[in-house]
Amino acid sequence: METVQIAEQIKKRLDCLVSFYHHTKNIVGYKFKNGKFDDYFELFMEGKVDFGDYYDCLLSWYVHRNDPNVLFITYEQLKKDTRTYVMKIAEFMGQKYKDMLENDEQLLNDVIKYSSFNFMKETLNRDVAELAALPKDTILNHPDIPQGMKDLLVGKDEDGPGFFDSDPNSITFVRKGIVGDWRNYLSPEQNQRMDERFRERTKGTDIPELWKDYI
């Protein structure tokens, strides 16, 4: 069966930066608890963050946007018209899934509800907090916790710190998910530098058209 890859949450670069900053700051394993936004901005600009340079990631996916096994949708599109793009995803997965949602309004509403940011924030933050509060031995020996999650919770060095705070109330793995939060963080000079980098890295492509309605 053909592997299906969906690039569905390519955020506008500025919101991605702010989201990633809080993600890094709120998870103790990054050791950036007291880090400042201005410091993270420079790291982001240099591509010295998880998964490397933002534009390398964006461009590597964009060249495959028309591949038959890739559905390319922006986060902003999902936020603006969730129902339409849920149906696009269903159709991409197979006509039978589109038919299922078209013929069952309750099922469609359930898909929208249980894939929503608010539901993910509530459940994922709670679930991660509950896992992080477990004793290390329980985590390491639990058959249903994937090894990658064990490494995050306990740390690859079992005697060292994990990525999450042991206090369940301190965990904010999922934060806001809104569009435009970058305006509360970037200075005019930082915004200008980001725009210049954006134009430089996307020159010769129609990528800027993806976010023309949100800038």
N, C-alpha and C. Protein backbone atom coordinates (compact mmCIF):
# COMPACT_ATOMS: atom_id res chain seq x y z
N MET A 1 0.84 -1.20 0.00
CA MET A 1 0.00 0.00 0.00
C MET A 1 0.88 1.25 0.00
N GLU A 2 0.51 2.20 -0.81
CA GLU A 2 1.31 3.41 -0.95
C GLU A 2 1.32 4.20 0.36
N THR A 3 2.49 4.64 0.75
CA THR A 3 2.60 5.45 1.96
C THR A 3 2.01 6.83 1.71
N VAL A 4 1.15 7.25 2.60
CA VAL A 4 0.50 8.55 2.47
C VAL A 4 1.16 9.53 3.42
N GLN A 5 1.60 10.64 2.89
CA GLN A 5 2.23 11.67 3.71
C GLN A 5 1.42 12.94 3.57
N ILE A 6 1.04 13.52 4.69
CA ILE A 6 0.22 14.73 4.68
C ILE A 6 0.97 15.86 5.36
N ALA A 7 1.31 16.90 4.61
CA ALA A 7 1.93 18.08 5.21
C ALA A 7 0.82 19.08 5.46
N GLU A 8 0.23 19.07 6.66
CA GLU A 8 -1.00 19.81 6.87
C GLU A 8 -0.87 20.97 7.84
N GLN A 9 0.31 21.14 8.45
CA GLN A 9 0.41 22.21 9.42
C GLN A 9 1.68 23.02 9.19
N ILE A 10 1.84 23.55 7.97
CA ILE A 10 2.96 24.43 7.67
C ILE A 10 2.56 25.85 8.05
N LYS A 11 2.92 26.27 9.23
CA LYS A 11 2.51 27.58 9.74
C LYS A 11 3.27 28.70 9.05
N LYS A 12 2.66 29.87 9.08
CA LYS A 12 3.39 31.06 8.69
C LYS A 12 4.64 31.14 9.56
N ARG A 13 5.76 31.51 8.96
CA ARG A 13 7.06 31.39 9.63
C ARG A 13 7.12 32.10 10.97
N LEU A 14 6.42 33.21 11.13
CA LEU A 14 6.50 33.99 12.36
C LEU A 14 5.75 33.29 13.50
N ASP A 15 4.59 32.77 13.23
CA ASP A 15 3.86 32.03 14.26
C ASP A 15 4.61 30.76 14.63
N CYS A 16 5.26 30.16 13.64
CA CYS A 16 6.07 28.96 13.91
C CYS A 16 7.18 29.29 14.88
N LEU A 17 7.83 30.41 14.68
CA LEU A 17 8.92 30.85 15.55
C LEU A 17 8.43 31.02 16.99
N VAL A 18 7.33 31.74 17.17
CA VAL A 18 6.81 32.00 18.51
C VAL A 18 6.37 30.70 19.19
N SER A 19 5.70 29.84 18.43
CA SER A 19 5.25 28.56 18.98
C SER A 19 6.44 27.71 19.42
N PHE A 20 7.47 27.68 18.60
CA PHE A 20 8.65 26.88 18.89
C PHE A 20 9.41 27.44 20.10
N TYR A 21 9.40 28.75 20.23
CA TYR A 21 10.04 29.39 21.39
C TYR A 21 9.41 28.91 22.68
N HIS A 22 8.08 28.95 22.75
CA HIS A 22 7.39 28.52 23.97
C HIS A 22 7.55 27.02 24.20
N HIS A 23 7.53 26.25 23.12
CA HIS A 23 7.73 24.81 23.24
C HIS A 23 9.08 24.53 23.90
N THR A 24 10.10 25.23 23.45
CA THR A 24 11.46 25.04 23.97
C THR A 24 11.58 25.54 25.40
N LYS A 25 10.95 26.66 25.69
CA LYS A 25 11.04 27.26 27.01
C LYS A 25 10.29 26.44 28.07
N ASN A 26 9.19 25.83 27.68
CA ASN A 26 8.33 25.14 28.64
C ASN A 26 8.72 23.70 28.92
N ILE A 27 9.66 23.16 28.16
CA ILE A 27 10.09 21.78 28.36
C ILE A 27 11.49 21.79 28.96
N VAL A 28 11.62 21.26 30.17
CA VAL A 28 12.86 21.42 30.94
C VAL A 28 14.06 20.78 30.26
N GLY A 29 13.83 19.76 29.44
CA GLY A 29 14.95 19.07 28.80
C GLY A 29 15.75 19.94 27.87
N TYR A 30 15.16 21.03 27.38
CA TYR A 30 15.89 21.94 26.51
C TYR A 30 16.84 22.86 27.29
N LYS A 31 16.62 22.95 28.60
CA LYS A 31 17.43 23.81 29.47
C LYS A 31 17.39 25.26 29.00
N PHE A 32 16.19 25.71 28.64
CA PHE A 32 16.01 27.08 28.13
C PHE A 32 14.94 27.81 28.94
N LYS A 33 14.71 27.35 30.17
CA LYS A 33 13.62 27.90 30.98
C LYS A 33 13.74 29.40 31.16
N ASN A 34 14.96 29.89 31.34
CA ASN A 34 15.17 31.33 31.55
C ASN A 34 15.60 32.04 30.28
N GLY A 35 15.51 31.33 29.15
CA GLY A 35 15.92 31.93 27.89
C GLY A 35 14.99 33.05 27.45
N LYS A 36 15.53 34.02 26.76
CA LYS A 36 14.76 35.17 26.28
C LYS A 36 14.35 34.96 24.82
N PHE A 37 13.25 35.60 24.45
CA PHE A 37 12.77 35.48 23.07
C PHE A 37 13.81 35.96 22.08
N ASP A 38 14.49 37.06 22.40
CA ASP A 38 15.50 37.60 21.49
C ASP A 38 16.62 36.59 21.24
N ASP A 39 16.98 35.84 22.27
CA ASP A 39 18.02 34.82 22.10
C ASP A 39 17.52 33.69 21.19
N TYR A 40 16.27 33.29 21.40
CA TYR A 40 15.73 32.21 20.58
C TYR A 40 15.56 32.67 19.14
N PHE A 41 15.21 33.91 18.95
CA PHE A 41 15.07 34.46 17.60
C PHE A 41 16.36 34.26 16.81
N GLU A 42 17.50 34.55 17.44
CA GLU A 42 18.77 34.40 16.75
C GLU A 42 19.07 32.93 16.44
N LEU A 43 18.74 32.04 17.37
CA LEU A 43 18.94 30.62 17.13
C LEU A 43 18.08 30.15 15.96
N PHE A 44 16.85 30.63 15.91
CA PHE A 44 15.94 30.26 14.83
C PHE A 44 16.46 30.76 13.49
N MET A 45 16.94 31.99 13.47
CA MET A 45 17.47 32.57 12.24
C MET A 45 18.67 31.79 11.73
N GLU A 46 19.45 31.21 12.65
CA GLU A 46 20.64 30.46 12.26
C GLU A 46 20.35 28.98 12.01
N GLY A 47 19.10 28.58 12.20
CA GLY A 47 18.74 27.18 11.99
C GLY A 47 19.27 26.26 13.06
N LYS A 48 19.55 26.80 14.24
CA LYS A 48 20.13 26.00 15.33
C LYS A 48 19.05 25.58 16.33
N VAL A 49 17.95 25.07 15.78
CA VAL A 49 16.84 24.58 16.60
C VAL A 49 16.50 23.17 16.14
N ASP A 50 15.56 22.53 16.86
CA ASP A 50 15.15 21.19 16.46
C ASP A 50 14.75 21.15 14.99
N PHE A 51 15.18 20.13 14.30
CA PHE A 51 14.86 19.89 12.89
C PHE A 51 15.53 20.88 11.96
N GLY A 52 16.44 21.70 12.48
CA GLY A 52 17.25 22.55 11.62
C GLY A 52 16.52 23.77 11.08
N ASP A 53 16.94 24.21 9.92
CA ASP A 53 16.45 25.45 9.33
C ASP A 53 14.99 25.31 8.86
N TYR A 54 14.17 26.27 9.26
CA TYR A 54 12.75 26.25 8.90
C TYR A 54 12.55 26.18 7.38
N TYR A 55 13.34 26.97 6.64
CA TYR A 55 13.15 27.05 5.20
C TYR A 55 13.59 25.78 4.50
N ASP A 56 14.59 25.13 5.03
CA ASP A 56 14.99 23.84 4.46
C ASP A 56 13.82 22.86 4.55
N CYS A 57 13.15 22.87 5.69
CA CYS A 57 12.00 21.98 5.88
C CYS A 57 10.85 22.36 4.94
N LEU A 58 10.52 23.64 4.90
CA LEU A 58 9.42 24.11 4.06
C LEU A 58 9.67 23.80 2.59
N LEU A 59 10.86 24.15 2.09
CA LEU A 59 11.16 23.95 0.67
C LEU A 59 11.23 22.48 0.30
N SER A 60 11.72 21.66 1.23
CA SER A 60 11.83 20.24 0.93
C SER A 60 10.45 19.59 0.75
N TRP A 61 9.46 20.10 1.50
CA TRP A 61 8.10 19.60 1.32
C TRP A 61 7.44 20.23 0.09
N TYR A 62 7.70 21.49 -0.14
CA TYR A 62 6.96 22.21 -1.17
C TYR A 62 7.20 21.64 -2.57
N VAL A 63 8.39 21.14 -2.81
CA VAL A 63 8.68 20.58 -4.13
C VAL A 63 7.85 19.32 -4.39
N HIS A 64 7.28 18.74 -3.33
CA HIS A 64 6.48 17.53 -3.47
C HIS A 64 4.98 17.81 -3.37
N ARG A 65 4.60 19.08 -3.39
CA ARG A 65 3.21 19.44 -3.12
C ARG A 65 2.23 18.82 -4.11
N ASN A 66 2.69 18.53 -5.32
CA ASN A 66 1.79 17.96 -6.33
C ASN A 66 1.98 16.45 -6.49
N ASP A 67 2.81 15.85 -5.66
CA ASP A 67 2.98 14.40 -5.71
C ASP A 67 1.65 13.73 -5.34
N PRO A 68 1.35 12.59 -5.94
CA PRO A 68 0.05 11.96 -5.68
C PRO A 68 -0.14 11.49 -4.25
N ASN A 69 0.96 11.29 -3.51
CA ASN A 69 0.83 10.82 -2.13
C ASN A 69 1.08 11.92 -1.11
N VAL A 70 0.97 13.17 -1.53
CA VAL A 70 1.17 14.31 -0.64
C VAL A 70 -0.01 15.27 -0.75
N LEU A 71 -0.56 15.64 0.39
CA LEU A 71 -1.59 16.68 0.45
C LEU A 71 -0.99 17.86 1.18
N PHE A 72 -0.88 18.99 0.53
CA PHE A 72 -0.21 20.16 1.10
C PHE A 72 -1.28 21.18 1.49
N ILE A 73 -1.46 21.37 2.79
CA ILE A 73 -2.45 22.31 3.33
C ILE A 73 -1.78 23.15 4.40
N THR A 74 -2.10 24.42 4.46
CA THR A 74 -1.52 25.27 5.50
C THR A 74 -2.37 25.22 6.76
N TYR A 75 -1.72 25.52 7.88
CA TYR A 75 -2.41 25.58 9.17
C TYR A 75 -3.50 26.64 9.13
N GLU A 76 -3.21 27.75 8.47
CA GLU A 76 -4.18 28.85 8.39
C GLU A 76 -5.44 28.42 7.64
N GLN A 77 -5.28 27.62 6.59
CA GLN A 77 -6.44 27.12 5.86
C GLN A 77 -7.31 26.24 6.76
N LEU A 78 -6.67 25.39 7.54
CA LEU A 78 -7.41 24.53 8.46
C LEU A 78 -8.16 25.34 9.50
N LYS A 79 -7.53 26.40 10.00
CA LYS A 79 -8.17 27.22 11.01
C LYS A 79 -9.36 28.01 10.43
N LYS A 80 -9.19 28.50 9.21
CA LYS A 80 -10.20 29.36 8.61
C LYS A 80 -11.44 28.59 8.17
N ASP A 81 -11.25 27.41 7.61
CA ASP A 81 -12.37 26.64 7.07
C ASP A 81 -12.15 25.16 7.37
N THR A 82 -12.29 24.80 8.64
CA THR A 82 -11.96 23.44 9.08
C THR A 82 -12.77 22.38 8.34
N ARG A 83 -14.06 22.60 8.20
CA ARG A 83 -14.92 21.59 7.58
C ARG A 83 -14.48 21.28 6.15
N THR A 84 -14.22 22.31 5.38
CA THR A 84 -13.82 22.10 3.98
C THR A 84 -12.53 21.29 3.88
N TYR A 85 -11.58 21.63 4.74
CA TYR A 85 -10.29 20.96 4.62
C TYR A 85 -10.26 19.59 5.27
N VAL A 86 -11.14 19.35 6.23
CA VAL A 86 -11.31 17.99 6.73
C VAL A 86 -11.84 17.11 5.60
N MET A 87 -12.76 17.63 4.81
CA MET A 87 -13.29 16.87 3.68
C MET A 87 -12.21 16.64 2.62
N LYS A 88 -11.33 17.61 2.41
CA LYS A 88 -10.23 17.43 1.47
C LYS A 88 -9.30 16.32 1.94
N ILE A 89 -9.03 16.29 3.24
CA ILE A 89 -8.17 15.25 3.80
C ILE A 89 -8.83 13.88 3.64
N ALA A 90 -10.13 13.83 3.90
CA ALA A 90 -10.86 12.56 3.77
C ALA A 90 -10.83 12.07 2.33
N GLU A 91 -11.04 12.97 1.39
CA GLU A 91 -11.00 12.59 -0.03
C GLU A 91 -9.61 12.12 -0.43
N PHE A 92 -8.59 12.78 0.10
CA PHE A 92 -7.22 12.40 -0.18
C PHE A 92 -6.92 10.99 0.33
N MET A 93 -7.48 10.66 1.49
CA MET A 93 -7.27 9.33 2.07
C MET A 93 -7.99 8.24 1.27
N GLY A 94 -9.06 8.62 0.58
CA GLY A 94 -9.81 7.66 -0.22
C GLY A 94 -11.26 8.06 -0.33
N GLN A 95 -11.87 7.83 -1.48
CA GLN A 95 -13.24 8.26 -1.72
C GLN A 95 -14.20 7.71 -0.67
N LYS A 96 -13.94 6.49 -0.17
CA LYS A 96 -14.86 5.91 0.81
C LYS A 96 -14.91 6.73 2.09
N TYR A 97 -13.79 7.37 2.46
CA TYR A 97 -13.78 8.18 3.67
C TYR A 97 -14.55 9.48 3.45
N LYS A 98 -14.41 10.05 2.26
CA LYS A 98 -15.20 11.24 1.94
C LYS A 98 -16.69 10.92 1.97
N ASP A 99 -17.05 9.77 1.38
CA ASP A 99 -18.46 9.37 1.36
C ASP A 99 -19.00 9.16 2.78
N MET A 100 -18.17 8.57 3.64
CA MET A 100 -18.59 8.33 5.03
C MET A 100 -18.94 9.63 5.71
N LEU A 101 -18.11 10.66 5.53
CA LEU A 101 -18.35 11.94 6.19
C LEU A 101 -19.51 12.69 5.56
N GLU A 102 -19.63 12.59 4.25
CA GLU A 102 -20.73 13.28 3.57
C GLU A 102 -22.08 12.70 3.96
N ASN A 103 -22.11 11.41 4.28
CA ASN A 103 -23.37 10.73 4.58
C ASN A 103 -23.67 10.63 6.07
N ASP A 104 -22.79 11.16 6.88
CA ASP A 104 -22.99 11.05 8.33
C ASP A 104 -22.52 12.36 8.98
N GLU A 105 -23.45 13.27 9.18
CA GLU A 105 -23.13 14.59 9.73
C GLU A 105 -22.53 14.49 11.13
N GLN A 106 -23.05 13.55 11.95
CA GLN A 106 -22.52 13.39 13.31
C GLN A 106 -21.08 12.92 13.27
N LEU A 107 -20.76 12.01 12.35
CA LEU A 107 -19.39 11.53 12.22
C LEU A 107 -18.46 12.67 11.81
N LEU A 108 -18.90 13.48 10.87
CA LEU A 108 -18.10 14.63 10.44
C LEU A 108 -17.86 15.58 11.61
N ASN A 109 -18.91 15.87 12.37
CA ASN A 109 -18.76 16.76 13.53
C ASN A 109 -17.81 16.18 14.57
N ASP A 110 -17.87 14.86 14.74
CA ASP A 110 -16.97 14.20 15.70
C ASP A 110 -15.52 14.30 15.24
N VAL A 111 -15.28 14.11 13.94
CA VAL A 111 -13.92 14.23 13.41
C VAL A 111 -13.39 15.64 13.65
N ILE A 112 -14.22 16.63 13.38
CA ILE A 112 -13.80 18.03 13.59
C ILE A 112 -13.53 18.29 15.07
N LYS A 113 -14.41 17.79 15.93
CA LYS A 113 -14.25 18.01 17.38
C LYS A 113 -12.99 17.35 17.91
N TYR A 114 -12.81 16.06 17.58
CA TYR A 114 -11.72 15.30 18.20
C TYR A 114 -10.37 15.51 17.52
N SER A 115 -10.37 16.25 16.43
CA SER A 115 -9.10 16.64 15.82
C SER A 115 -8.81 18.13 16.01
N SER A 116 -9.66 18.79 16.81
CA SER A 116 -9.52 20.23 17.02
C SER A 116 -8.32 20.54 17.92
N PHE A 117 -7.84 21.75 17.82
CA PHE A 117 -6.71 22.17 18.65
C PHE A 117 -7.10 22.15 20.13
N ASN A 118 -8.31 22.62 20.45
CA ASN A 118 -8.73 22.68 21.85
C ASN A 118 -8.78 21.29 22.48
N PHE A 119 -9.30 20.31 21.73
CA PHE A 119 -9.37 18.95 22.26
C PHE A 119 -7.96 18.37 22.43
N MET A 120 -7.10 18.63 21.44
CA MET A 120 -5.72 18.15 21.53
C MET A 120 -5.00 18.79 22.72
N LYS A 121 -5.22 20.09 22.92
CA LYS A 121 -4.57 20.77 24.03
C LYS A 121 -5.00 20.18 25.37
N GLU A 122 -6.29 19.98 25.52
CA GLU A 122 -6.81 19.46 26.78
C GLU A 122 -6.30 18.05 27.06
N THR A 123 -6.41 17.20 26.06
CA THR A 123 -6.08 15.79 26.30
C THR A 123 -4.58 15.52 26.28
N LEU A 124 -3.85 16.14 25.35
CA LEU A 124 -2.43 15.85 25.26
C LEU A 124 -1.67 16.41 26.46
N ASN A 125 -1.98 17.63 26.88
CA ASN A 125 -1.33 18.18 28.07
C ASN A 125 -1.58 17.30 29.29
N ARG A 126 -2.83 16.85 29.42
CA ARG A 126 -3.17 15.98 30.55
C ARG A 126 -2.44 14.64 30.48
N ASP A 127 -2.44 14.04 29.30
CA ASP A 127 -1.81 12.72 29.14
C ASP A 127 -0.30 12.78 29.36
N VAL A 128 0.35 13.83 28.81
CA VAL A 128 1.79 13.97 28.99
C VAL A 128 2.11 14.21 30.47
N ALA A 129 1.27 15.03 31.13
CA ALA A 129 1.49 15.30 32.55
C ALA A 129 1.36 14.01 33.38
N GLU A 130 0.38 13.19 33.06
CA GLU A 130 0.20 11.94 33.80
C GLU A 130 1.37 10.99 33.58
N LEU A 131 1.88 10.94 32.35
CA LEU A 131 3.03 10.08 32.07
C LEU A 131 4.28 10.59 32.78
N ALA A 132 4.47 11.92 32.74
CA ALA A 132 5.67 12.50 33.35
C ALA A 132 5.69 12.30 34.86
N ALA A 133 4.53 12.14 35.47
CA ALA A 133 4.45 11.97 36.92
C ALA A 133 4.71 10.53 37.36
N LEU A 134 4.76 9.61 36.41
CA LEU A 134 5.00 8.20 36.76
C LEU A 134 6.45 7.99 37.20
N PRO A 135 6.69 7.04 38.09
CA PRO A 135 8.07 6.69 38.46
C PRO A 135 8.86 6.24 37.22
N LYS A 136 10.15 6.51 37.23
CA LYS A 136 10.97 6.16 36.06
C LYS A 136 10.90 4.68 35.72
N ASP A 137 10.94 3.85 36.73
CA ASP A 137 10.90 2.40 36.49
C ASP A 137 9.60 1.99 35.80
N THR A 138 8.52 2.62 36.20
CA THR A 138 7.22 2.30 35.58
C THR A 138 7.23 2.69 34.11
N ILE A 139 7.78 3.86 33.81
CA ILE A 139 7.86 4.32 32.43
C ILE A 139 8.72 3.38 31.60
N LEU A 140 9.90 3.04 32.11
CA LEU A 140 10.85 2.22 31.36
C LEU A 140 10.32 0.82 31.09
N ASN A 141 9.51 0.30 31.98
CA ASN A 141 9.02 -1.07 31.84
C ASN A 141 7.61 -1.16 31.28
N HIS A 142 7.05 0.00 30.94
CA HIS A 142 5.67 0.00 30.45
C HIS A 142 5.65 -0.45 28.98
N PRO A 143 4.92 -1.52 28.66
CA PRO A 143 4.96 -2.06 27.29
C PRO A 143 4.26 -1.19 26.25
N ASP A 144 3.40 -0.28 26.69
CA ASP A 144 2.62 0.51 25.74
C ASP A 144 3.19 1.90 25.48
N ILE A 145 4.31 2.24 26.14
CA ILE A 145 4.93 3.54 25.90
C ILE A 145 6.06 3.35 24.89
N PRO A 146 5.98 4.00 23.71
CA PRO A 146 7.04 3.86 22.70
C PRO A 146 8.39 4.31 23.25
N GLN A 147 9.46 3.74 22.69
CA GLN A 147 10.79 4.07 23.18
C GLN A 147 11.10 5.55 23.06
N GLY A 148 10.65 6.17 21.98
CA GLY A 148 10.92 7.60 21.80
C GLY A 148 10.31 8.44 22.90
N MET A 149 9.08 8.08 23.32
CA MET A 149 8.44 8.80 24.42
C MET A 149 9.14 8.50 25.74
N LYS A 150 9.62 7.28 25.91
CA LYS A 150 10.38 6.95 27.12
C LYS A 150 11.63 7.83 27.21
N ASP A 151 12.30 8.04 26.09
CA ASP A 151 13.50 8.88 26.08
C ASP A 151 13.16 10.31 26.48
N LEU A 152 11.99 10.81 26.03
CA LEU A 152 11.57 12.16 26.39
C LEU A 152 11.22 12.27 27.86
N LEU A 153 10.53 11.26 28.36
CA LEU A 153 10.06 11.32 29.74
C LEU A 153 11.17 11.07 30.75
N VAL A 154 12.06 10.15 30.45
CA VAL A 154 13.09 9.75 31.40
C VAL A 154 14.45 10.33 31.04
N GLY A 155 14.69 10.50 29.75
CA GLY A 155 16.01 10.90 29.28
C GLY A 155 16.76 9.66 28.79
N LYS A 156 17.56 9.82 27.76
CA LYS A 156 18.31 8.68 27.24
C LYS A 156 19.28 8.15 28.28
N ASP A 157 19.78 9.07 29.11
CA ASP A 157 20.57 8.65 30.26
C ASP A 157 19.60 8.48 31.42
N GLU A 158 19.37 7.25 31.84
CA GLU A 158 18.32 6.98 32.83
C GLU A 158 18.56 7.69 34.16
N ASP A 159 19.80 8.07 34.41
CA ASP A 159 20.10 8.79 35.65
C ASP A 159 20.00 10.30 35.48
N GLY A 160 19.81 10.74 34.23
CA GLY A 160 19.74 12.17 33.96
C GLY A 160 18.30 12.64 33.92
N PRO A 161 18.09 13.92 33.60
CA PRO A 161 16.73 14.47 33.58
C PRO A 161 15.99 14.08 32.31
N GLY A 162 14.67 13.99 32.41
CA GLY A 162 13.85 13.81 31.23
C GLY A 162 13.55 15.17 30.61
N PHE A 163 12.72 15.15 29.59
CA PHE A 163 12.40 16.41 28.91
C PHE A 163 11.31 17.19 29.61
N PHE A 164 10.48 16.51 30.41
CA PHE A 164 9.34 17.17 31.02
C PHE A 164 9.52 17.31 32.52
N ASP A 165 8.96 18.37 33.06
CA ASP A 165 8.99 18.61 34.49
C ASP A 165 8.16 17.53 35.19
N SER A 166 8.60 17.09 36.34
CA SER A 166 7.87 16.06 37.07
C SER A 166 6.60 16.61 37.72
N ASP A 167 6.45 17.93 37.75
CA ASP A 167 5.23 18.54 38.30
C ASP A 167 4.18 18.59 37.19
N PRO A 168 3.12 17.79 37.27
CA PRO A 168 2.11 17.75 36.21
C PRO A 168 1.48 19.11 35.90
N ASN A 169 1.40 19.97 36.90
CA ASN A 169 0.75 21.27 36.69
C ASN A 169 1.61 22.23 35.88
N SER A 170 2.87 21.88 35.68
CA SER A 170 3.77 22.80 34.98
C SER A 170 3.85 22.51 33.49
N ILE A 171 3.23 21.45 33.02
CA ILE A 171 3.40 21.01 31.64
C ILE A 171 2.41 21.72 30.72
N THR A 172 2.95 22.40 29.71
CA THR A 172 2.13 23.02 28.67
C THR A 172 2.70 22.59 27.33
N PHE A 173 2.48 21.34 26.99
CA PHE A 173 3.04 20.79 25.76
C PHE A 173 2.37 21.40 24.54
N VAL A 174 1.08 21.72 24.67
CA VAL A 174 0.32 22.37 23.61
C VAL A 174 -0.18 23.69 24.16
N ARG A 175 0.01 24.80 23.43
CA ARG A 175 -0.23 26.10 24.02
C ARG A 175 -1.46 26.81 23.45
N LYS A 176 -1.31 27.61 22.37
CA LYS A 176 -2.40 28.43 21.88
C LYS A 176 -2.99 27.96 20.55
N GLY A 177 -2.13 27.80 19.56
CA GLY A 177 -2.61 27.37 18.25
C GLY A 177 -3.34 28.45 17.47
N ILE A 178 -3.13 29.72 17.83
CA ILE A 178 -3.82 30.80 17.12
C ILE A 178 -2.94 31.32 15.99
N VAL A 179 -3.57 32.07 15.10
CA VAL A 179 -2.86 32.70 13.98
C VAL A 179 -2.61 34.16 14.32
N GLY A 180 -1.37 34.61 14.17
CA GLY A 180 -1.04 36.02 14.36
C GLY A 180 -0.45 36.37 15.70
N ASP A 181 -0.15 35.38 16.55
CA ASP A 181 0.42 35.66 17.87
C ASP A 181 1.80 36.30 17.77
N TRP A 182 2.46 36.15 16.62
CA TRP A 182 3.79 36.72 16.43
C TRP A 182 3.82 38.24 16.66
N ARG A 183 2.69 38.91 16.44
CA ARG A 183 2.66 40.36 16.59
C ARG A 183 2.92 40.80 18.03
N ASN A 184 2.74 39.88 18.98
CA ASN A 184 2.98 40.20 20.39
C ASN A 184 4.43 40.00 20.80
N TYR A 185 5.27 39.56 19.87
CA TYR A 185 6.64 39.20 20.25
C TYR A 185 7.72 39.87 19.41
N LEU A 186 7.56 39.92 18.11
CA LEU A 186 8.65 40.41 17.26
C LEU A 186 8.72 41.93 17.24
N SER A 187 9.93 42.44 17.33
CA SER A 187 10.16 43.88 17.18
C SER A 187 10.10 44.21 15.69
N PRO A 188 9.92 45.48 15.34
CA PRO A 188 9.93 45.85 13.92
C PRO A 188 11.22 45.42 13.21
N GLU A 189 12.34 45.50 13.91
CA GLU A 189 13.61 45.11 13.29
C GLU A 189 13.66 43.61 13.05
N GLN A 190 13.15 42.83 14.00
CA GLN A 190 13.12 41.37 13.83
C GLN A 190 12.17 40.98 12.72
N ASN A 191 11.03 41.65 12.66
CA ASN A 191 10.07 41.37 11.60
C ASN A 191 10.67 41.65 10.23
N GLN A 192 11.41 42.75 10.12
CA GLN A 192 12.06 43.10 8.86
C GLN A 192 13.10 42.04 8.46
N ARG A 193 13.89 41.59 9.43
CA ARG A 193 14.89 40.57 9.15
C ARG A 193 14.25 39.27 8.69
N MET A 194 13.14 38.91 9.32
CA MET A 194 12.43 37.69 8.93
C MET A 194 11.87 37.83 7.52
N ASP A 195 11.32 39.00 7.20
CA ASP A 195 10.77 39.22 5.86
C ASP A 195 11.87 39.14 4.80
N GLU A 196 13.02 39.70 5.12
CA GLU A 196 14.13 39.66 4.17
C GLU A 196 14.59 38.22 3.95
N ARG A 197 14.69 37.45 5.03
CA ARG A 197 15.09 36.05 4.89
C ARG A 197 14.05 35.26 4.12
N PHE A 198 12.78 35.54 4.39
CA PHE A 198 11.69 34.86 3.70
C PHE A 198 11.75 35.11 2.20
N ARG A 199 11.93 36.36 1.81
CA ARG A 199 12.00 36.70 0.39
C ARG A 199 13.22 36.04 -0.26
N GLU A 200 14.33 36.04 0.48
CA GLU A 200 15.56 35.46 -0.05
C GLU A 200 15.42 33.96 -0.29
N ARG A 201 14.87 33.24 0.70
CA ARG A 201 14.81 31.79 0.62
C ARG A 201 13.68 31.29 -0.29
N THR A 202 12.65 32.08 -0.50
CA THR A 202 11.53 31.62 -1.33
C THR A 202 11.51 32.27 -2.71
N LYS A 203 12.57 32.98 -3.05
CA LYS A 203 12.66 33.64 -4.35
C LYS A 203 12.51 32.62 -5.47
N GLY A 204 11.70 32.97 -6.46
CA GLY A 204 11.49 32.08 -7.59
C GLY A 204 10.40 31.05 -7.38
N THR A 205 9.74 31.09 -6.21
CA THR A 205 8.63 30.17 -5.93
C THR A 205 7.36 30.99 -5.68
N ASP A 206 6.23 30.29 -5.63
CA ASP A 206 4.99 30.98 -5.30
C ASP A 206 4.59 30.76 -3.85
N ILE A 207 5.57 30.39 -3.02
CA ILE A 207 5.29 30.16 -1.60
C ILE A 207 4.68 31.39 -0.91
N PRO A 208 5.16 32.63 -1.22
CA PRO A 208 4.54 33.79 -0.55
C PRO A 208 3.03 33.87 -0.73
N GLU A 209 2.52 33.27 -1.80
CA GLU A 209 1.07 33.31 -2.05
C GLU A 209 0.31 32.51 -0.98
N LEU A 210 0.99 31.57 -0.33
CA LEU A 210 0.32 30.74 0.66
C LEU A 210 -0.22 31.57 1.82
N TRP A 211 0.48 32.68 2.12
CA TRP A 211 0.12 33.46 3.31
C TRP A 211 -0.22 34.91 2.99
N LYS A 212 -0.55 35.19 1.75
CA LYS A 212 -0.82 36.57 1.37
C LYS A 212 -1.99 37.17 2.14
N ASP A 213 -2.95 36.34 2.54
CA ASP A 213 -4.13 36.85 3.26
C ASP A 213 -3.92 36.99 4.74
N TYR A 214 -2.72 36.60 5.24
CA TYR A 214 -2.49 36.59 6.68
C TYR A 214 -1.36 37.53 7.11
N ILE A 215 -0.73 38.18 6.15
CA ILE A 215 0.39 39.06 6.46
C ILE A 215 -0.11 40.48 6.70
